Protein backbone atom coordinates (compact mmCIF):
# COMPACT_ATOMS: atom_id res chain seq x y z
CA GLY A 1 0.00 0.00 0.00
CA GLU A 2 0.85 3.65 0.31
CA ALA A 3 2.71 3.25 3.62
CA GLN A 4 4.89 0.53 2.15
CA ARG A 5 5.77 2.63 -0.91
CA ALA A 6 6.59 5.63 1.28
CA ALA A 7 8.75 3.51 3.60
CA ARG A 8 10.65 1.96 0.72
CA MET A 9 11.26 5.33 -0.96
CA SER A 10 12.48 6.80 2.32
CA MET A 11 14.81 3.86 2.90
CA LEU A 12 16.27 4.10 -0.61
CA ARG A 13 16.84 7.82 -0.22
CA GLY A 14 18.46 7.15 3.14
CA VAL A 15 20.83 4.64 1.54
CA TYR A 16 21.88 7.24 -1.03
CA GLY A 17 22.51 9.81 1.70
CA VAL A 18 24.62 7.53 3.88
CA ALA A 19 26.58 6.32 0.85
CA ILE A 20 27.54 9.92 0.12
CA ASN A 21 28.55 10.47 3.76
CA ALA A 22 30.64 7.29 3.83
CA PHE A 23 32.33 8.31 0.58
CA ILE A 24 33.23 11.71 2.06
CA TYR A 25 34.60 10.12 5.24
CA VAL A 26 36.77 7.67 3.33
CA VAL A 27 37.98 9.99 0.55
CA PHE A 28 38.33 13.29 2.42
CA GLY A 29 38.61 12.08 6.01
CA LYS A 30 42.34 12.66 6.33
CA ARG A 31 41.88 16.33 5.47
CA ILE A 32 38.73 16.73 7.53
CA CYS A 33 40.47 15.39 10.66
CA TRP A 34 42.93 18.28 10.49
CA TRP A 35 40.01 20.70 10.96
CA PHE A 36 39.61 19.40 14.50
CA THR A 37 43.18 18.90 15.71
CA SER A 38 46.69 20.03 14.98
CA ASP A 39 48.17 17.19 17.05
CA PRO A 40 49.67 14.56 14.70
CA ALA A 41 49.07 11.73 17.22
CA VAL A 42 45.37 12.57 17.57
CA HIS A 43 45.10 12.94 13.80
CA ALA A 44 46.65 9.50 13.25
CA VAL A 45 44.18 7.84 15.62
CA ALA A 46 41.22 9.66 14.05
CA VAL A 47 42.28 8.70 10.52
CA SER A 48 42.83 5.06 11.53
CA ILE A 49 39.26 4.69 12.83
CA LEU A 50 37.53 6.59 10.01
CA PRO A 51 36.65 3.46 7.98
CA VAL A 52 34.90 2.00 11.04
CA ILE A 53 33.14 5.31 11.70
CA ALA A 54 32.05 5.45 8.05
CA ALA A 55 30.57 1.94 8.32
CA TYR A 56 28.91 2.82 11.63
CA GLN A 57 27.43 6.04 10.21
CA ALA A 58 26.12 4.24 7.15
CA ALA A 59 24.51 1.42 9.14
CA ASP A 60 23.10 3.81 11.73
CA GLY A 61 21.72 6.12 9.05
CA VAL A 62 19.85 3.29 7.36
CA ARG A 63 18.65 2.01 10.75
CA VAL A 64 17.40 5.46 11.79
CA VAL A 65 15.46 5.95 8.54
CA SER A 66 13.96 2.47 8.86
CA ALA A 67 13.05 3.05 12.51
CA GLY A 68 11.50 6.38 11.52
CA CYS A 69 9.34 4.59 8.96
CA LEU A 70 8.17 2.22 11.67
CA ARG A 71 7.47 5.07 14.07
CA GLY A 72 5.48 6.81 11.35
CA VAL A 73 3.06 3.88 11.16
CA GLY A 74 2.84 3.46 14.93
CA ARG A 75 5.38 0.67 15.45
CA LEU A 76 7.10 2.53 18.31
CA ASN A 77 8.09 -0.53 20.34
CA THR A 78 10.10 -2.07 17.51
CA ALA A 79 12.20 1.07 17.03
CA LEU A 80 12.71 1.49 20.78
CA LEU A 81 13.74 -2.14 21.21
CA SER A 82 16.29 -1.83 18.39
CA ASP A 83 17.83 1.23 20.07
CA VAL A 84 18.06 -0.45 23.47
CA VAL A 85 19.50 -3.70 22.12
CA GLY A 86 21.82 -2.09 19.56
CA PHE A 87 23.39 0.44 21.90
CA TRP A 88 22.96 -0.70 25.51
CA VAL A 89 22.91 -4.50 25.20
CA LEU A 90 25.43 -4.94 22.38
CA GLY A 91 27.30 -1.75 21.41
CA ILE A 92 28.48 -0.41 24.76
CA PRO A 93 29.46 -3.76 26.35
CA VAL A 94 31.28 -4.98 23.22
CA GLY A 95 32.93 -1.58 22.78
CA TYR A 96 34.09 -1.57 26.40
CA TYR A 97 35.44 -5.11 26.13
CA LEU A 98 37.37 -4.32 22.96
CA ALA A 99 38.62 -0.95 24.22
CA VAL A 100 39.66 -1.77 27.77
CA PRO A 101 40.44 -5.47 28.40
CA LEU A 102 41.67 -6.04 24.83
CA GLY A 103 43.42 -2.66 24.70
CA MET A 104 41.99 -1.48 21.40
CA ASN A 105 41.16 1.95 22.86
CA ALA A 106 39.15 4.26 20.55
CA MET A 107 39.07 1.66 17.77
CA GLY A 108 37.46 -0.81 20.19
CA ILE A 109 34.75 1.66 21.21
CA TRP A 110 33.83 2.37 17.59
CA LEU A 111 33.95 -1.32 16.60
CA GLY A 112 31.55 -2.05 19.46
CA PHE A 113 29.16 0.69 18.39
CA ALA A 114 29.35 -0.48 14.77
CA PHE A 115 28.70 -4.08 15.82
CA GLY A 116 25.64 -3.11 17.88
CA VAL A 117 24.12 -0.98 15.13
CA MET A 118 24.79 -3.52 12.39
CA ALA A 119 23.31 -6.33 14.50
CA VAL A 120 19.93 -4.57 14.78
CA MET A 121 19.93 -2.81 11.41
CA MET A 122 18.78 -5.74 9.24
CA PRO A 123 15.73 -6.78 11.31
CA ILE A 124 14.57 -3.15 11.46
CA CYS A 125 15.15 -2.70 7.71
CA ILE A 126 13.24 -5.88 6.86
CA LYS A 127 10.33 -4.86 9.07
CA ALA A 128 10.24 -1.33 7.62
CA TRP A 129 10.55 -2.60 4.03
CA ASN A 130 7.53 -4.84 4.62
CA VAL A 131 5.33 -2.29 6.43
CA GLY A 132 1.69 -3.25 5.93
CA SER A 133 2.42 -6.53 4.14
CA LYS A 134 1.65 -10.10 5.17
CA GLU A 135 5.39 -10.62 5.84
CA GLU A 136 5.42 -7.81 8.39
CA LYS A 137 2.43 -9.26 10.20
CA LEU A 138 4.27 -12.60 10.46
CA LEU A 139 7.19 -10.81 12.14
CA ASP A 140 4.74 -9.48 14.77
CA ALA A 141 3.25 -12.91 15.52
CA PRO A 142 3.80 -14.16 19.08
CA ALA A 143 6.46 -16.85 19.37
């Protein structure tokens, strides 16, 4: 129906937007990092984690658009659950483990965040893509 077409168009536009952002991070990131620091050590760390940040931003952008589509049709619990699981249950604990016990520092934090967002992105995208369809109703069925 109309909600499904609107959700799909929004998701596709979101993918285009995050692809442009990721491209900018990867291609121009080294220069952009100099805007925020003149310390070569800080710059080196920032540049080293930019590919992970680009992946995180892309996944999170698609997840946010998909969650917004679900919120728009009243599926508030699904979007909230994805935020809680992606960030608090997965992202922060994994990021902490990688950063502190494994000594990966800033890279570990960002890998944890990226992992959490990517883990919840696909279920949210599938649900948003199928808004109003029989497939979406099957995803809502009690286990």
